[in-house]
Amino acid sequence: MTTRVFRRPSRLPSPPLPRGELVLESPPELSEPTTNYARYLMVLPMLAGAGAIAFMFSMGGRGMGGSLGYVVGGLFGVSMLGMVLISMATGGG
């Protein structure tokens, strides 16, 4: 195993710096701030999801059979659709 010595060529000189005034574009306009009611609307689907989880834990080991299983599934669906629709309506991205 040998060591090879490599000699790097000297660096090129840097390009000249621009002189005079630089014209900059103005920054983009900020979007309108979201109103407070849009923030509060997001709480409703979260509460529906929390209620569905509470129902699920209250059922214990009985499984998802019966009408309570349909209620839990419906609450999860309402929660999911509500969050998607509200985030699309408020432009939250």
PDB file of N, CA and C in Angstrom:
ATOM      1  N   MET A   1       0.831  -1.169   0.000  1.00  0.00           N
ATOM      2  CA  MET A   1       0.000   0.000   0.000  1.00  0.00           C
ATOM      3  C   MET A   1       0.883   1.242   0.000  1.00  0.00           C
ATOM      4  N   THR A   2       0.697   2.082  -0.984  1.00  0.00           N
ATOM      5  CA  THR A   2       1.528   3.281  -1.073  1.00  0.00           C
ATOM      6  C   THR A   2       0.663   4.522  -0.954  1.00  0.00           C
ATOM      7  N   THR A   3       1.278   5.594  -0.613  1.00  0.00           N
ATOM      8  CA  THR A   3       0.593   6.880  -0.510  1.00  0.00           C
ATOM      9  C   THR A   3       0.980   7.714  -1.716  1.00  0.00           C
ATOM     10  N   ARG A   4      -0.036   8.218  -2.385  1.00  0.00           N
ATOM     11  CA  ARG A   4       0.224   9.045  -3.555  1.00  0.00           C
ATOM     12  C   ARG A   4       0.029  10.506  -3.172  1.00  0.00           C
ATOM     13  N   VAL A   5       0.935  11.315  -3.491  1.00  0.00           N
ATOM     14  CA  VAL A   5       0.862  12.742  -3.198  1.00  0.00           C
ATOM     15  C   VAL A   5       0.233  13.422  -4.406  1.00  0.00           C
ATOM     16  N   PHE A   6      -0.782  14.200  -4.132  1.00  0.00           N
ATOM     17  CA  PHE A   6      -1.497  14.905  -5.200  1.00  0.00           C
ATOM     18  C   PHE A   6      -1.320  16.396  -4.981  1.00  0.00           C
ATOM     19  N   ARG A   7      -0.851  17.086  -5.977  1.00  0.00           N
ATOM     20  CA  ARG A   7      -0.679  18.540  -5.899  1.00  0.00           C
ATOM     21  C   ARG A   7      -1.815  19.208  -6.657  1.00  0.00           C
ATOM     22  N   ARG A   8      -2.586  19.967  -5.916  1.00  0.00           N
ATOM     23  CA  ARG A   8      -3.728  20.670  -6.493  1.00  0.00           C
ATOM     24  C   ARG A   8      -3.235  21.935  -7.190  1.00  0.00           C
ATOM     25  N   PRO A   9      -3.787  22.236  -8.388  1.00  0.00           N
ATOM     26  CA  PRO A   9      -3.371  23.481  -9.053  1.00  0.00           C
ATOM     27  C   PRO A   9      -3.875  24.687  -8.258  1.00  0.00           C
ATOM     28  N   SER A  10      -3.263  25.810  -8.463  1.00  0.00           N
ATOM     29  CA  SER A  10      -3.658  27.012  -7.739  1.00  0.00           C
ATOM     30  C   SER A  10      -5.076  27.433  -8.151  1.00  0.00           C
ATOM     31  N   ARG A  11      -5.727  28.124  -7.236  1.00  0.00           N
ATOM     32  CA  ARG A  11      -7.112  28.537  -7.483  1.00  0.00           C
ATOM     33  C   ARG A  11      -7.177  29.664  -8.494  1.00  0.00           C
ATOM     34  N   LEU A  12      -8.315  29.712  -9.181  1.00  0.00           N
ATOM     35  CA  LEU A  12      -8.556  30.808 -10.113  1.00  0.00           C
ATOM     36  C   LEU A  12      -8.948  32.050  -9.319  1.00  0.00           C
ATOM     37  N   PRO A  13      -8.676  33.224  -9.843  1.00  0.00           N
ATOM     38  CA  PRO A  13      -9.090  34.432  -9.117  1.00  0.00           C
ATOM     39  C   PRO A  13     -10.619  34.543  -9.082  1.00  0.00           C
ATOM     40  N   SER A  14     -11.145  35.133  -8.020  1.00  0.00           N
ATOM     41  CA  SER A  14     -12.595  35.263  -7.879  1.00  0.00           C
ATOM     42  C   SER A  14     -13.134  36.276  -8.880  1.00  0.00           C
ATOM     43  N   PRO A  15     -14.407  36.152  -9.268  1.00  0.00           N
ATOM     44  CA  PRO A  15     -14.980  37.113 -10.209  1.00  0.00           C
ATOM     45  C   PRO A  15     -15.113  38.480  -9.547  1.00  0.00           C
ATOM     46  N   PRO A  16     -15.139  39.528 -10.333  1.00  0.00           N
ATOM     47  CA  PRO A  16     -15.250  40.870  -9.741  1.00  0.00           C
ATOM     48  C   PRO A  16     -16.618  41.081  -9.094  1.00  0.00           C
ATOM     49  N   LEU A  17     -16.637  41.826  -8.003  1.00  0.00           N
ATOM     50  CA  LEU A  17     -17.884  42.142  -7.317  1.00  0.00           C
ATOM     51  C   LEU A  17     -18.645  43.211  -8.087  1.00  0.00           C
ATOM     52  N   PRO A  18     -19.989  43.133  -8.079  1.00  0.00           N
ATOM     53  CA  PRO A  18     -20.759  44.161  -8.788  1.00  0.00           C
ATOM     54  C   PRO A  18     -20.636  45.506  -8.077  1.00  0.00           C
ATOM     55  N   ARG A  19     -20.688  46.566  -8.851  1.00  0.00           N
ATOM     56  CA  ARG A  19     -20.592  47.911  -8.297  1.00  0.00           C
ATOM     57  C   ARG A  19     -21.876  48.666  -8.584  1.00  0.00           C
ATOM     58  N   GLY A  20     -22.130  49.684  -7.803  1.00  0.00           N
ATOM     59  CA  GLY A  20     -23.318  50.504  -8.013  1.00  0.00           C
ATOM     60  C   GLY A  20     -24.485  49.991  -7.179  1.00  0.00           C
ATOM     61  N   GLU A  21     -25.679  50.439  -7.532  1.00  0.00           N
ATOM     62  CA  GLU A  21     -26.877  50.055  -6.788  1.00  0.00           C
ATOM     63  C   GLU A  21     -27.471  48.778  -7.361  1.00  0.00           C
ATOM     64  N   LEU A  22     -27.962  47.944  -6.467  1.00  0.00           N
ATOM     65  CA  LEU A  22     -28.653  46.732  -6.875  1.00  0.00           C
ATOM     66  C   LEU A  22     -30.150  46.965  -6.719  1.00  0.00           C
ATOM     67  N   VAL A  23     -30.911  46.622  -7.737  1.00  0.00           N
ATOM     68  CA  VAL A  23     -32.360  46.793  -7.698  1.00  0.00           C
ATOM     69  C   VAL A  23     -32.972  45.486  -7.196  1.00  0.00           C
ATOM     70  N   LEU A  24     -33.671  45.570  -6.072  1.00  0.00           N
ATOM     71  CA  LEU A  24     -34.311  44.394  -5.489  1.00  0.00           C
ATOM     72  C   LEU A  24     -35.808  44.455  -5.711  1.00  0.00           C
ATOM     73  N   GLU A  25     -36.410  43.270  -5.855  1.00  0.00           N
ATOM     74  CA  GLU A  25     -37.859  43.213  -5.982  1.00  0.00           C
ATOM     75  C   GLU A  25     -38.484  43.352  -4.603  1.00  0.00           C
ATOM     76  N   SER A  26     -39.702  43.871  -4.577  1.00  0.00           N
ATOM     77  CA  SER A  26     -40.391  43.993  -3.297  1.00  0.00           C
ATOM     78  C   SER A  26     -40.806  42.607  -2.818  1.00  0.00           C
ATOM     79  N   PRO A  27     -40.891  42.393  -1.499  1.00  0.00           N
ATOM     80  CA  PRO A  27     -41.290  41.078  -0.995  1.00  0.00           C
ATOM     81  C   PRO A  27     -42.747  40.792  -1.335  1.00  0.00           C
ATOM     82  N   PRO A  28     -43.118  39.523  -1.404  1.00  0.00           N
ATOM     83  CA  PRO A  28     -44.511  39.194  -1.730  1.00  0.00           C
ATOM     84  C   PRO A  28     -45.446  39.659  -0.624  1.00  0.00           C
ATOM     85  N   GLU A  29     -46.667  39.956  -1.021  1.00  0.00           N
ATOM     86  CA  GLU A  29     -47.667  40.412  -0.061  1.00  0.00           C
ATOM     87  C   GLU A  29     -48.104  39.244   0.819  1.00  0.00           C
ATOM     88  N   LEU A  30     -48.331  39.526   2.074  1.00  0.00           N
ATOM     89  CA  LEU A  30     -48.814  38.500   2.995  1.00  0.00           C
ATOM     90  C   LEU A  30     -50.310  38.304   2.801  1.00  0.00           C
ATOM     91  N   SER A  31     -50.742  37.063   2.978  1.00  0.00           N
ATOM     92  CA  SER A  31     -52.167  36.797   2.855  1.00  0.00           C
ATOM     93  C   SER A  31     -52.883  37.354   4.079  1.00  0.00           C
ATOM     94  N   GLU A  32     -54.172  37.500   3.937  1.00  0.00           N
ATOM     95  CA  GLU A  32     -54.967  38.018   5.047  1.00  0.00           C
ATOM     96  C   GLU A  32     -54.920  37.045   6.217  1.00  0.00           C
ATOM     97  N   PRO A  33     -54.768  37.550   7.424  1.00  0.00           N
ATOM     98  CA  PRO A  33     -54.752  36.625   8.571  1.00  0.00           C
ATOM     99  C   PRO A  33     -56.111  35.953   8.741  1.00  0.00           C
ATOM    100  N   THR A  34     -56.065  34.710   9.192  1.00  0.00           N
ATOM    101  CA  THR A  34     -57.320  33.986   9.377  1.00  0.00           C
ATOM    102  C   THR A  34     -58.082  34.572  10.554  1.00  0.00           C
ATOM    103  N   THR A  35     -59.369  34.556  10.420  1.00  0.00           N
ATOM    104  CA  THR A  35     -60.198  35.095  11.491  1.00  0.00           C
ATOM    105  C   THR A  35     -60.272  34.093  12.639  1.00  0.00           C
ATOM    106  N   ASN A  36     -60.704  34.562  13.767  1.00  0.00           N
ATOM    107  CA  ASN A  36     -60.740  33.707  14.952  1.00  0.00           C
ATOM    108  C   ASN A  36     -61.765  32.592  14.833  1.00  0.00           C
ATOM    109  N   TYR A  37     -62.871  32.836  14.124  1.00  0.00           N
ATOM    110  CA  TYR A  37     -63.889  31.790  14.030  1.00  0.00           C
ATOM    111  C   TYR A  37     -63.370  30.569  13.283  1.00  0.00           C
ATOM    112  N   ALA A  38     -62.443  30.750  12.351  1.00  0.00           N
ATOM    113  CA  ALA A  38     -61.895  29.604  11.631  1.00  0.00           C
ATOM    114  C   ALA A  38     -61.092  28.709  12.573  1.00  0.00           C
ATOM    115  N   ARG A  39     -60.408  29.316  13.523  1.00  0.00           N
ATOM    116  CA  ARG A  39     -59.664  28.521  14.494  1.00  0.00           C
ATOM    117  C   ARG A  39     -60.611  27.739  15.389  1.00  0.00           C
ATOM    118  N   TYR A  40     -61.703  28.377  15.765  1.00  0.00           N
ATOM    119  CA  TYR A  40     -62.666  27.716  16.642  1.00  0.00           C
ATOM    120  C   TYR A  40     -63.431  26.614  15.917  1.00  0.00           C
ATOM    121  N   LEU A  41     -63.610  26.771  14.597  1.00  0.00           N
ATOM    122  CA  LEU A  41     -64.300  25.731  13.841  1.00  0.00           C
ATOM    123  C   LEU A  41     -63.499  24.437  13.801  1.00  0.00           C
ATOM    124  N   MET A  42     -62.180  24.547  13.897  1.00  0.00           N
ATOM    125  CA  MET A  42     -61.344  23.350  13.869  1.00  0.00           C
ATOM    126  C   MET A  42     -61.509  22.542  15.154  1.00  0.00           C
ATOM    127  N   VAL A  43     -61.998  23.161  16.211  1.00  0.00           N
ATOM    128  CA  VAL A  43     -62.172  22.461  17.483  1.00  0.00           C
ATOM    129  C   VAL A  43     -63.317  21.447  17.391  1.00  0.00           C
ATOM    130  N   LEU A  44     -64.341  21.743  16.615  1.00  0.00           N
ATOM    131  CA  LEU A  44     -65.500  20.839  16.537  1.00  0.00           C
ATOM    132  C   LEU A  44     -65.141  19.446  16.022  1.00  0.00           C
ATOM    133  N   PRO A  45     -64.424  19.318  14.904  1.00  0.00           N
ATOM    134  CA  PRO A  45     -64.036  17.963  14.483  1.00  0.00           C
ATOM    135  C   PRO A  45     -63.098  17.283  15.475  1.00  0.00           C
ATOM    136  N   MET A  46     -62.265  18.068  16.147  1.00  0.00           N
ATOM    137  CA  MET A  46     -61.379  17.466  17.145  1.00  0.00           C
ATOM    138  C   MET A  46     -62.193  16.883  18.301  1.00  0.00           C
ATOM    139  N   LEU A  47     -63.232  17.590  18.698  1.00  0.00           N
ATOM    140  CA  LEU A  47     -64.095  17.082  19.758  1.00  0.00           C
ATOM    141  C   LEU A  47     -64.835  15.822  19.313  1.00  0.00           C
ATOM    142  N   ALA A  48     -65.238  15.768  18.043  1.00  0.00           N
ATOM    143  CA  ALA A  48     -65.902  14.565  17.537  1.00  0.00           C
ATOM    144  C   ALA A  48     -64.949  13.376  17.567  1.00  0.00           C
ATOM    145  N   GLY A  49     -63.695  13.598  17.188  1.00  0.00           N
ATOM    146  CA  GLY A  49     -62.706  12.519  17.246  1.00  0.00           C
ATOM    147  C   GLY A  49     -62.425  12.085  18.675  1.00  0.00           C
ATOM    148  N   ALA A  50     -62.350  13.064  19.598  1.00  0.00           N
ATOM    149  CA  ALA A  50     -62.124  12.722  21.004  1.00  0.00           C
ATOM    150  C   ALA A  50     -63.317  11.956  21.574  1.00  0.00           C
ATOM    151  N   GLY A  51     -64.531  12.318  21.163  1.00  0.00           N
ATOM    152  CA  GLY A  51     -65.711  11.582  21.607  1.00  0.00           C
ATOM    153  C   GLY A  51     -65.712  10.156  21.096  1.00  0.00           C
ATOM    154  N   ALA A  52     -65.275   9.979  19.853  1.00  0.00           N
ATOM    155  CA  ALA A  52     -65.212   8.626  19.290  1.00  0.00           C
ATOM    156  C   ALA A  52     -64.207   7.774  20.054  1.00  0.00           C
ATOM    157  N   ILE A  53     -63.088   8.356  20.412  1.00  0.00           N
ATOM    158  CA  ILE A  53     -62.087   7.613  21.177  1.00  0.00           C
ATOM    159  C   ILE A  53     -62.626   7.276  22.561  1.00  0.00           C
ATOM    160  N   ALA A  54     -63.344   8.231  23.177  1.00  0.00           N
ATOM    161  CA  ALA A  54     -63.926   7.974  24.497  1.00  0.00           C
ATOM    162  C   ALA A  54     -64.943   6.834  24.431  1.00  0.00           C
ATOM    163  N   PHE A  55     -65.780   6.816  23.387  1.00  0.00           N
ATOM    164  CA  PHE A  55     -66.735   5.706  23.221  1.00  0.00           C
ATOM    165  C   PHE A  55     -66.004   4.376  23.060  1.00  0.00           C
ATOM    166  N   MET A  56     -64.915   4.403  22.297  1.00  0.00           N
ATOM    167  CA  MET A  56     -64.188   3.174  22.046  1.00  0.00           C
ATOM    168  C   MET A  56     -63.607   2.610  23.345  1.00  0.00           C
ATOM    169  N   PHE A  57     -63.042   3.494  24.178  1.00  0.00           N
ATOM    170  CA  PHE A  57     -62.479   3.018  25.438  1.00  0.00           C
ATOM    171  C   PHE A  57     -63.563   2.612  26.433  1.00  0.00           C
ATOM    172  N   SER A  58     -64.727   3.240  26.349  1.00  0.00           N
ATOM    173  CA  SER A  58     -65.790   2.884  27.290  1.00  0.00           C
ATOM    174  C   SER A  58     -66.398   1.515  26.986  1.00  0.00           C
ATOM    175  N   MET A  59     -66.242   1.036  25.757  1.00  0.00           N
ATOM    176  CA  MET A  59     -66.795  -0.263  25.396  1.00  0.00           C
ATOM    177  C   MET A  59     -65.987  -1.403  25.985  1.00  0.00           C
ATOM    178  N   GLY A  60     -64.765  -1.130  26.402  1.00  0.00           N
ATOM    179  CA  GLY A  60     -63.944  -2.186  27.006  1.00  0.00           C
ATOM    180  C   GLY A  60     -63.551  -3.231  25.985  1.00  0.00           C
ATOM    181  N   GLY A  61     -63.641  -4.490  26.355  1.00  0.00           N
ATOM    182  CA  GLY A  61     -63.245  -5.581  25.472  1.00  0.00           C
ATOM    183  C   GLY A  61     -64.390  -6.145  24.667  1.00  0.00           C
ATOM    184  N   ARG A  62     -65.518  -5.442  24.585  1.00  0.00           N
ATOM    185  CA  ARG A  62     -66.690  -5.987  23.885  1.00  0.00           C
ATOM    186  C   ARG A  62     -66.582  -5.873  22.376  1.00  0.00           C
ATOM    187  N   GLY A  63     -65.591  -5.176  21.885  1.00  0.00           N
ATOM    188  CA  GLY A  63     -65.428  -5.048  20.441  1.00  0.00           C
ATOM    189  C   GLY A  63     -66.294  -3.943  19.874  1.00  0.00           C
ATOM    190  N   MET A  64     -66.359  -3.874  18.569  1.00  0.00           N
ATOM    191  CA  MET A  64     -67.073  -2.793  17.889  1.00  0.00           C
ATOM    192  C   MET A  64     -68.428  -3.242  17.379  1.00  0.00           C
ATOM    193  N   GLY A  65     -69.016  -4.236  17.972  1.00  0.00           N
ATOM    194  CA  GLY A  65     -70.300  -4.722  17.498  1.00  0.00           C
ATOM    195  C   GLY A  65     -71.451  -3.863  17.993  1.00  0.00           C
ATOM    196  N   GLY A  66     -72.572  -3.956  17.353  1.00  0.00           N
ATOM    197  CA  GLY A  66     -73.769  -3.255  17.788  1.00  0.00           C
ATOM    198  C   GLY A  66     -73.824  -1.820  17.298  1.00  0.00           C
ATOM    199  N   SER A  67     -74.812  -1.119  17.824  1.00  0.00           N
ATOM    200  CA  SER A  67     -75.052   0.245  17.361  1.00  0.00           C
ATOM    201  C   SER A  67     -73.982   1.215  17.828  1.00  0.00           C
ATOM    202  N   LEU A  68     -73.347   0.957  18.967  1.00  0.00           N
ATOM    203  CA  LEU A  68     -72.303   1.860  19.440  1.00  0.00           C
ATOM    204  C   LEU A  68     -71.097   1.851  18.502  1.00  0.00           C
ATOM    205  N   GLY A  69     -70.845   0.735  17.866  1.00  0.00           N
ATOM    206  CA  GLY A  69     -69.770   0.663  16.868  1.00  0.00           C
ATOM    207  C   GLY A  69     -70.043   1.574  15.685  1.00  0.00           C
ATOM    208  N   TYR A  70     -71.314   1.641  15.272  1.00  0.00           N
ATOM    209  CA  TYR A  70     -71.669   2.551  14.179  1.00  0.00           C
ATOM    210  C   TYR A  70     -71.510   4.013  14.605  1.00  0.00           C
ATOM    211  N   VAL A  71     -71.847   4.316  15.847  1.00  0.00           N
ATOM    212  CA  VAL A  71     -71.687   5.684  16.356  1.00  0.00           C
ATOM    213  C   VAL A  71     -70.213   6.072  16.355  1.00  0.00           C
ATOM    214  N   VAL A  72     -69.353   5.177  16.825  1.00  0.00           N
ATOM    215  CA  VAL A  72     -67.919   5.458  16.860  1.00  0.00           C
ATOM    216  C   VAL A  72     -67.374   5.663  15.450  1.00  0.00           C
ATOM    217  N   GLY A  73     -67.744   4.792  14.537  1.00  0.00           N
ATOM    218  CA  GLY A  73     -67.293   4.945  13.149  1.00  0.00           C
ATOM    219  C   GLY A  73     -67.793   6.232  12.519  1.00  0.00           C
ATOM    220  N   GLY A  74     -69.057   6.572  12.799  1.00  0.00           N
ATOM    221  CA  GLY A  74     -69.603   7.819  12.278  1.00  0.00           C
ATOM    222  C   GLY A  74     -68.899   9.042  12.832  1.00  0.00           C
ATOM    223  N   LEU A  75     -68.566   9.009  14.121  1.00  0.00           N
ATOM    224  CA  LEU A  75     -67.851  10.144  14.713  1.00  0.00           C
ATOM    225  C   LEU A  75     -66.453  10.294  14.132  1.00  0.00           C
ATOM    226  N   PHE A  76     -65.778   9.164  13.907  1.00  0.00           N
ATOM    227  CA  PHE A  76     -64.469   9.254  13.262  1.00  0.00           C
ATOM    228  C   PHE A  76     -64.590   9.820  11.850  1.00  0.00           C
ATOM    229  N   GLY A  77     -65.611   9.408  11.112  1.00  0.00           N
ATOM    230  CA  GLY A  77     -65.817   9.929   9.756  1.00  0.00           C
ATOM    231  C   GLY A  77     -66.132  11.412   9.752  1.00  0.00           C
ATOM    232  N   VAL A  78     -67.017  11.833  10.663  1.00  0.00           N
ATOM    233  CA  VAL A  78     -67.348  13.262  10.763  1.00  0.00           C
ATOM    234  C   VAL A  78     -66.116  14.060  11.142  1.00  0.00           C
ATOM    235  N   SER A  79     -65.313  13.541  12.047  1.00  0.00           N
ATOM    236  CA  SER A  79     -64.100  14.219  12.469  1.00  0.00           C
ATOM    237  C   SER A  79     -63.135  14.397  11.303  1.00  0.00           C
ATOM    238  N   MET A  80     -62.929  13.325  10.548  1.00  0.00           N
ATOM    239  CA  MET A  80     -61.999  13.383   9.428  1.00  0.00           C
ATOM    240  C   MET A  80     -62.487  14.352   8.346  1.00  0.00           C
ATOM    241  N   LEU A  81     -63.734  14.219   7.941  1.00  0.00           N
ATOM    242  CA  LEU A  81     -64.258  15.104   6.897  1.00  0.00           C
ATOM    243  C   LEU A  81     -64.311  16.554   7.354  1.00  0.00           C
ATOM    244  N   GLY A  82     -64.663  16.766   8.614  1.00  0.00           N
ATOM    245  CA  GLY A  82     -64.715  18.131   9.131  1.00  0.00           C
ATOM    246  C   GLY A  82     -63.366  18.808   9.103  1.00  0.00           C
ATOM    247  N   MET A  83     -62.327  18.102   9.512  1.00  0.00           N
ATOM    248  CA  MET A  83     -60.990  18.707   9.495  1.00  0.00           C
ATOM    249  C   MET A  83     -60.529  18.995   8.077  1.00  0.00           C
ATOM    250  N   VAL A  84     -60.807  18.096   7.162  1.00  0.00           N
ATOM    251  CA  VAL A  84     -60.402  18.325   5.768  1.00  0.00           C
ATOM    252  C   VAL A  84     -61.153  19.508   5.176  1.00  0.00           C
ATOM    253  N   LEU A  85     -62.457  19.555   5.372  1.00  0.00           N
ATOM    254  CA  LEU A  85     -63.252  20.643   4.795  1.00  0.00           C
ATOM    255  C   LEU A  85     -62.902  21.995   5.397  1.00  0.00           C
ATOM    256  N   ILE A  86     -62.699  22.058   6.686  1.00  0.00           N
ATOM    257  CA  ILE A  86     -62.374  23.332   7.317  1.00  0.00           C
ATOM    258  C   ILE A  86     -60.982  23.795   6.914  1.00  0.00           C
ATOM    259  N   SER A  87     -60.028  22.884   6.815  1.00  0.00           N
ATOM    260  CA  SER A  87     -58.691  23.309   6.391  1.00  0.00           C
ATOM    261  C   SER A  87     -58.678  23.762   4.933  1.00  0.00           C
ATOM    262  N   MET A  88     -59.516  23.146   4.096  1.00  0.00           N
ATOM    263  CA  MET A  88     -59.599  23.598   2.705  1.00  0.00           C
ATOM    264  C   MET A  88     -60.306  24.938   2.608  1.00  0.00           C
ATOM    265  N   ALA A  89     -61.335  25.149   3.426  1.00  0.00           N
ATOM    266  CA  ALA A  89     -62.108  26.395   3.365  1.00  0.00           C
ATOM    267  C   ALA A  89     -61.314  27.581   3.892  1.00  0.00           C
ATOM    268  N   THR A  90     -60.482  27.354   4.888  1.00  0.00           N
ATOM    269  CA  THR A  90     -59.727  28.473   5.453  1.00  0.00           C
ATOM    270  C   THR A  90     -58.398  28.679   4.750  1.00  0.00           C
ATOM    271  N   GLY A  91     -58.020  27.812   3.841  1.00  0.00           N
ATOM    272  CA  GLY A  91     -56.764  27.975   3.110  1.00  0.00           C
ATOM    273  C   GLY A  91     -55.562  27.664   3.961  1.00  0.00           C
ATOM    274  N   GLY A  92     -55.714  26.782   4.936  1.00  0.00           N
ATOM    275  CA  GLY A  92     -54.616  26.455   5.817  1.00  0.00           C
ATOM    276  C   GLY A  92     -53.537  25.617   5.182  1.00  0.00           C
ATOM    277  N   GLY A  93     -53.787  25.123   3.970  1.00  0.00           N
ATOM    278  CA  GLY A  93     -52.768  24.377   3.266  1.00  0.00           C
ATOM    279  C   GLY A  93     -52.560  23.037   3.827  1.00  0.00           C
TER     280      GLY A  93
END
